[in-house]
Amino acid sequence: MIGFIGLGVMGEPICRHLATKSGQRVMAFDIAPEPLERLKAHGVQAVGSVLEVAEKADVVFLSLPGGKEVKAVCIGPGSLLLKLRAGGYIVDLSTTPVLMAREMAGRFAPRGIQFLDAPVSRTREAAQQGTLSIMVGGAEAAFQRMRPFFAHFATDITHCGAVGAGQAMKLMNNMVLFQNVVAIAEALAVVKRIGIEPALALEVLSKGSADSFALRHHGMKAMLTGEFPERAFSVEYARKDLGYALQLAKQLELQLSGARNARAVLDRAAEAGDEKKYFPVLSKVI
């Protein structure tokens, strides 16, 4: 049986894909009742605690806000560590610090439980469509065992190396993205001041070497329209992920000035009261 913990913007559609495509029974837990109620229509069994998932599931997927929540679910009071059986798998789709993923794997290994860090990338639309990119850290055999599950909700599945490698690549993905979005916001600020139409400016950039996923999605779809909804990838989450990346850089004795600059812009956006809004809202403070 598959267990799923965390039914937010990404977790709910991923859980739905597993329930409708895997051919296995799926049980799920979340502190919010609404996604559990919606998923019942797709055959997902709602359960009342993390322990109940641990007692019944062979494979447990996590999709949680960050490292603090993952650690609590894995090894805190009433956690997976207490009840999950030998031979089980934990697949963490969340974004967490690299060293924490390695710590979790080390805690479960003596119990005969495989832990894989498998953070996902792309948009919430990709989660709905089952076209995410997934970056996996863990043993090769465990990766191959879980790969058929990943194929139900991702179209790009990459084994990046040992435990922690998936998180490292996700953090680098987001770090590059955030810096690109800051660059686009700065470019828009310049063209507006000089009197060039912003839509024209982004179209011109998209035809040259400045073209990027960030420009076409975050620039054209959010910054041009000024639409920065909540319950998208927020400034709060971007600050968290960039904080993890900078933490990793410090551990590796690297100075990442571009990442520090992006973090400063995100901090200003949070101070301006936009912490819960879609993170391209950072353009408002430039």
Protein backbone atom coordinates (compact mmCIF):
# COMPACT_ATOMS: atom_id res chain seq x y z
CA MET A 1 0.00 0.00 0.00
CA ILE A 2 1.13 3.56 -0.75
CA GLY A 3 1.04 6.22 1.95
CA PHE A 4 1.08 9.94 1.22
CA ILE A 5 1.71 12.72 3.74
CA GLY A 6 1.24 16.35 2.76
CA LEU A 7 -1.48 17.39 0.31
CA GLY A 8 -0.61 20.96 -0.60
CA VAL A 9 -0.39 22.57 -4.03
CA MET A 10 1.98 19.89 -5.34
CA GLY A 11 1.15 16.98 -3.02
CA GLU A 12 -2.56 16.74 -3.78
CA PRO A 13 -2.23 16.26 -7.57
CA ILE A 14 0.75 13.91 -7.14
CA CYS A 15 -1.28 11.80 -4.72
CA ARG A 16 -4.18 11.79 -7.19
CA HIS A 17 -1.93 10.55 -9.99
CA LEU A 18 -0.63 7.72 -7.80
CA ALA A 19 -4.17 6.73 -6.81
CA THR A 20 -5.52 6.70 -10.35
CA LYS A 21 -2.51 5.22 -12.18
CA SER A 22 -0.50 2.97 -9.87
CA GLY A 23 -3.04 0.20 -9.46
CA GLN A 24 -2.35 0.22 -5.71
CA ARG A 25 -4.38 1.38 -2.74
CA VAL A 26 -3.38 4.84 -1.52
CA MET A 27 -3.94 6.28 1.95
CA ALA A 28 -3.20 9.89 2.80
CA PHE A 29 -2.81 12.21 5.77
CA ASP A 30 -2.86 16.00 5.98
CA ILE A 31 -3.75 18.45 8.73
CA ALA A 32 -6.25 20.12 6.35
CA PRO A 33 -9.48 18.18 5.68
CA GLU A 34 -10.30 19.74 2.28
CA PRO A 35 -7.76 17.92 0.08
CA LEU A 36 -8.54 14.64 1.80
CA GLU A 37 -12.19 15.13 0.97
CA ARG A 38 -11.42 15.93 -2.67
CA LEU A 39 -9.16 12.91 -3.05
CA LYS A 40 -11.83 10.51 -1.79
CA ALA A 41 -13.44 10.79 -5.22
CA HIS A 42 -10.25 9.26 -6.65
CA GLY A 43 -10.17 6.33 -4.25
CA VAL A 44 -7.75 7.76 -1.69
CA GLN A 45 -8.38 6.60 1.87
CA ALA A 46 -8.08 9.38 4.45
CA VAL A 47 -6.33 8.43 7.69
CA GLY A 48 -5.99 10.32 10.95
CA SER A 49 -2.28 10.31 11.72
CA VAL A 50 1.27 9.79 10.52
CA LEU A 51 1.45 6.66 12.68
CA GLU A 52 -1.52 5.14 10.88
CA VAL A 53 0.29 5.64 7.56
CA ALA A 54 3.44 4.06 9.01
CA GLU A 55 1.57 1.04 10.32
CA LYS A 56 -0.08 0.18 6.98
CA ALA A 57 2.05 1.49 4.10
CA ASP A 58 5.00 -0.11 2.34
CA VAL A 59 5.97 3.05 0.46
CA VAL A 60 5.46 6.51 1.97
CA PHE A 61 5.65 9.71 -0.07
CA LEU A 62 6.19 13.05 1.68
CA SER A 63 5.30 16.43 0.18
CA LEU A 64 5.84 18.92 2.98
CA PRO A 65 6.74 22.62 3.32
CA GLY A 66 10.36 22.13 4.37
CA GLY A 67 13.00 20.49 6.50
CA LYS A 68 11.36 21.16 9.85
CA GLU A 69 8.17 19.39 8.85
CA VAL A 70 9.97 16.48 7.20
CA LYS A 71 12.09 15.90 10.28
CA ALA A 72 9.04 15.95 12.55
CA VAL A 73 7.14 13.46 10.36
CA CYS A 74 10.15 11.16 10.00
CA ILE A 75 11.70 11.02 13.48
CA GLY A 76 9.63 13.20 15.84
CA PRO A 77 6.93 12.12 18.29
CA GLY A 78 4.34 9.96 16.52
CA SER A 79 6.63 9.65 13.51
CA LEU A 80 7.33 7.14 10.74
CA LEU A 81 10.42 5.87 12.54
CA LEU A 82 8.25 4.34 15.26
CA LYS A 83 6.11 2.05 13.11
CA LEU A 84 7.34 1.73 9.52
CA ARG A 85 8.35 -1.86 8.79
CA ALA A 86 11.68 -3.17 7.52
CA GLY A 87 11.72 -3.31 3.73
CA GLY A 88 9.76 -0.07 3.45
CA TYR A 89 10.58 3.04 1.45
CA ILE A 90 10.30 6.73 2.27
CA VAL A 91 10.34 9.05 -0.74
CA ASP A 92 10.68 12.72 0.19
CA LEU A 93 9.35 14.99 -2.56
CA SER A 94 9.85 18.08 -0.38
CA THR A 95 12.77 20.50 -0.63
CA THR A 96 15.07 20.21 2.40
CA PRO A 97 18.73 20.72 3.34
CA VAL A 98 21.17 18.22 1.84
CA LEU A 99 22.65 17.20 5.18
CA MET A 100 19.19 16.61 6.62
CA ALA A 101 18.35 14.16 3.82
CA ARG A 102 21.52 12.26 4.66
CA GLU A 103 20.66 12.33 8.36
CA MET A 104 17.20 10.88 7.68
CA ALA A 105 18.67 8.11 5.52
CA GLY A 106 21.11 7.29 8.31
CA ARG A 107 18.33 7.05 10.86
CA PHE A 108 16.20 4.67 8.77
CA ALA A 109 18.93 2.46 7.30
CA PRO A 110 19.49 0.40 10.52
CA ARG A 111 15.78 -0.41 10.44
CA GLY A 112 16.03 -1.79 6.89
CA ILE A 113 14.13 1.18 5.44
CA GLN A 114 15.29 3.00 2.30
CA PHE A 115 15.10 6.80 2.27
CA LEU A 116 15.23 8.67 -1.04
CA ASP A 117 15.27 12.43 -1.49
CA ALA A 118 13.26 13.14 -4.64
CA PRO A 119 12.32 16.83 -4.85
CA VAL A 120 10.14 17.88 -7.76
CA SER A 121 10.45 20.84 -10.09
CA ARG A 122 8.21 22.79 -12.51
CA THR A 123 4.89 24.49 -11.96
CA ARG A 124 1.66 23.56 -10.21
CA GLU A 125 0.17 23.12 -13.70
CA ALA A 126 2.82 20.48 -14.35
CA ALA A 127 1.83 18.77 -11.10
CA GLN A 128 -1.80 18.73 -12.24
CA GLN A 129 -0.83 17.32 -15.64
CA GLY A 130 1.67 14.78 -14.30
CA THR A 131 4.61 16.36 -16.16
CA LEU A 132 6.95 17.27 -13.30
CA SER A 133 10.72 16.89 -13.29
CA ILE A 134 12.06 14.84 -10.40
CA MET A 135 15.66 14.74 -9.12
CA VAL A 136 16.45 11.68 -7.03
CA GLY A 137 19.14 10.90 -4.50
CA GLY A 138 19.53 7.35 -3.18
CA ALA A 139 20.83 3.88 -3.89
CA GLU A 140 20.53 2.72 -7.50
CA ALA A 141 18.41 -0.32 -6.60
CA ALA A 142 16.01 1.81 -4.55
CA PHE A 143 15.76 4.34 -7.38
CA GLN A 144 14.89 1.60 -9.87
CA ARG A 145 12.30 0.17 -7.48
CA MET A 146 10.59 3.58 -7.15
CA ARG A 147 10.95 4.68 -10.77
CA PRO A 148 7.60 3.21 -11.91
CA PHE A 149 5.87 5.29 -9.23
CA PHE A 150 7.69 8.44 -10.35
CA ALA A 151 6.52 7.86 -13.92
CA HIS A 152 2.91 8.37 -12.82
CA PHE A 153 3.51 12.07 -12.08
CA ALA A 154 6.79 13.06 -13.76
CA THR A 155 8.03 13.03 -17.34
CA ASP A 156 11.68 13.76 -16.50
CA ILE A 157 13.17 11.42 -13.88
CA THR A 158 16.87 11.77 -13.08
CA HIS A 159 18.94 9.73 -10.66
CA CYS A 160 21.47 12.32 -9.45
CA GLY A 161 23.55 10.15 -7.13
CA ALA A 162 23.61 9.14 -3.47
CA VAL A 163 21.18 10.43 -0.83
CA GLY A 164 21.29 14.22 -0.78
CA ALA A 165 22.12 14.59 -4.47
CA GLY A 166 18.49 15.14 -5.41
CA GLN A 167 18.20 17.96 -2.88
CA ALA A 168 21.47 19.51 -4.05
CA MET A 169 20.23 19.63 -7.63
CA LYS A 170 16.82 21.02 -6.64
CA LEU A 171 18.48 23.79 -4.63
CA MET A 172 20.73 24.66 -7.56
CA ASN A 173 17.73 24.64 -9.91
CA ASN A 174 15.87 27.09 -7.70
CA MET A 175 18.94 29.22 -7.03
CA VAL A 176 19.46 29.73 -10.79
CA LEU A 177 15.75 30.40 -11.29
CA PHE A 178 15.57 33.04 -8.54
CA GLN A 179 18.60 34.86 -9.92
CA ASN A 180 17.05 34.82 -13.41
CA VAL A 181 13.80 36.27 -12.07
CA VAL A 182 15.70 39.06 -10.31
CA ALA A 183 17.54 39.82 -13.56
CA ILE A 184 14.24 39.98 -15.48
CA ALA A 185 12.73 42.26 -12.84
CA GLU A 186 15.73 44.58 -13.11
CA ALA A 187 15.48 44.62 -16.90
CA LEU A 188 11.78 45.51 -16.72
CA ALA A 189 12.53 48.33 -14.29
CA VAL A 190 15.04 49.80 -16.77
CA VAL A 191 12.83 49.55 -19.86
CA LYS A 192 9.87 51.10 -18.05
CA ARG A 193 12.00 54.06 -16.99
CA ILE A 194 13.33 54.56 -20.49
CA GLY A 195 9.84 54.35 -22.04
CA ILE A 196 9.90 50.97 -23.79
CA GLU A 197 6.74 48.85 -23.63
CA PRO A 198 7.43 45.97 -21.18
CA ALA A 199 5.65 43.37 -23.31
CA LEU A 200 7.75 44.37 -26.31
CA ALA A 201 10.91 44.25 -24.22
CA LEU A 202 10.25 40.68 -23.04
CA GLU A 203 9.38 39.61 -26.59
CA VAL A 204 12.72 40.99 -27.81
CA LEU A 205 14.60 39.29 -24.98
CA SER A 206 12.89 36.00 -25.79
CA LYS A 207 14.33 36.14 -29.31
CA GLY A 208 17.91 36.56 -28.12
CA SER A 209 20.36 34.88 -25.78
CA ALA A 210 18.43 36.18 -22.74
CA ASP A 211 15.57 33.77 -23.46
CA SER A 212 14.74 31.40 -20.58
CA PHE A 213 12.01 29.45 -18.82
CA ALA A 214 11.95 32.22 -16.21
CA LEU A 215 11.38 34.88 -18.86
CA ARG A 216 8.56 33.02 -20.62
CA HIS A 217 6.77 31.87 -17.47
CA HIS A 218 7.57 34.18 -14.58
CA GLY A 219 8.22 37.25 -16.70
CA MET A 220 5.48 37.03 -19.32
CA LYS A 221 2.80 35.33 -17.23
CA ALA A 222 3.25 37.08 -13.87
CA MET A 223 5.38 40.23 -14.01
CA LEU A 224 3.74 41.64 -17.15
CA THR A 225 0.23 41.06 -15.85
CA GLY A 226 0.99 41.97 -12.23
CA GLU A 227 -0.70 38.77 -11.06
CA PHE A 228 0.99 37.26 -8.01
CA PRO A 229 -1.55 34.90 -6.40
CA GLU A 230 -1.24 33.16 -3.08
CA ARG A 231 -1.06 29.35 -2.98
CA ALA A 232 1.56 29.49 -5.72
CA PHE A 233 5.32 29.23 -5.06
CA SER A 234 5.57 32.09 -2.59
CA VAL A 235 8.27 34.50 -1.49
CA GLU A 236 8.26 32.58 1.81
CA TYR A 237 9.12 29.29 0.07
CA ALA A 238 11.68 30.94 -2.21
CA ARG A 239 13.46 32.43 0.82
CA LYS A 240 13.46 29.00 2.47
CA ASP A 241 14.96 27.24 -0.53
CA LEU A 242 17.55 29.94 -1.16
CA GLY A 243 18.44 29.80 2.52
CA TYR A 244 19.11 26.06 2.16
CA ALA A 245 21.28 26.75 -0.90
CA LEU A 246 23.31 29.39 0.94
CA GLN A 247 23.63 27.04 3.92
CA LEU A 248 25.07 24.40 1.59
CA ALA A 249 27.44 26.95 0.05
CA LYS A 250 28.71 27.89 3.51
CA GLN A 251 29.33 24.23 4.35
CA LEU A 252 31.31 23.93 1.09
CA GLU A 253 33.20 27.19 1.81
CA LEU A 254 31.86 28.89 -1.33
CA GLN A 255 30.89 32.55 -1.70
CA LEU A 256 27.79 32.86 -3.92
CA SER A 257 27.28 36.59 -4.39
CA GLY A 258 24.47 36.22 -6.95
CA ALA A 259 22.50 33.97 -4.61
CA ARG A 260 23.03 36.40 -1.72
CA ASN A 261 21.75 39.25 -3.87
CA ALA A 262 18.62 37.30 -4.83
CA ARG A 263 18.01 36.49 -1.16
CA ALA A 264 18.28 40.20 -0.29
CA VAL A 265 15.64 41.08 -2.90
CA LEU A 266 13.33 38.34 -1.59
CA ASP A 267 13.85 39.64 1.95
CA ARG A 268 12.77 43.10 0.81
CA ALA A 269 9.65 41.63 -0.80
CA ALA A 270 8.79 39.86 2.46
CA GLU A 271 9.34 43.07 4.44
CA ALA A 272 6.97 44.84 2.01
CA GLY A 273 4.20 42.43 3.06
CA ASP A 274 4.28 40.10 0.05
CA GLU A 275 5.67 36.99 1.77
CA LYS A 276 2.66 34.80 0.87
CA LYS A 277 2.44 35.91 -2.77
CA TYR A 278 3.89 34.21 -5.87
CA PHE A 279 7.59 35.00 -5.69
CA PRO A 280 7.94 37.04 -8.96
CA VAL A 281 6.22 39.73 -6.88
CA LEU A 282 9.80 40.62 -5.92
CA SER A 283 9.73 42.79 -9.06
CA LYS A 284 7.67 45.33 -7.12
CA VAL A 285 10.58 46.21 -4.82
CA ILE A 286 13.08 46.87 -7.63
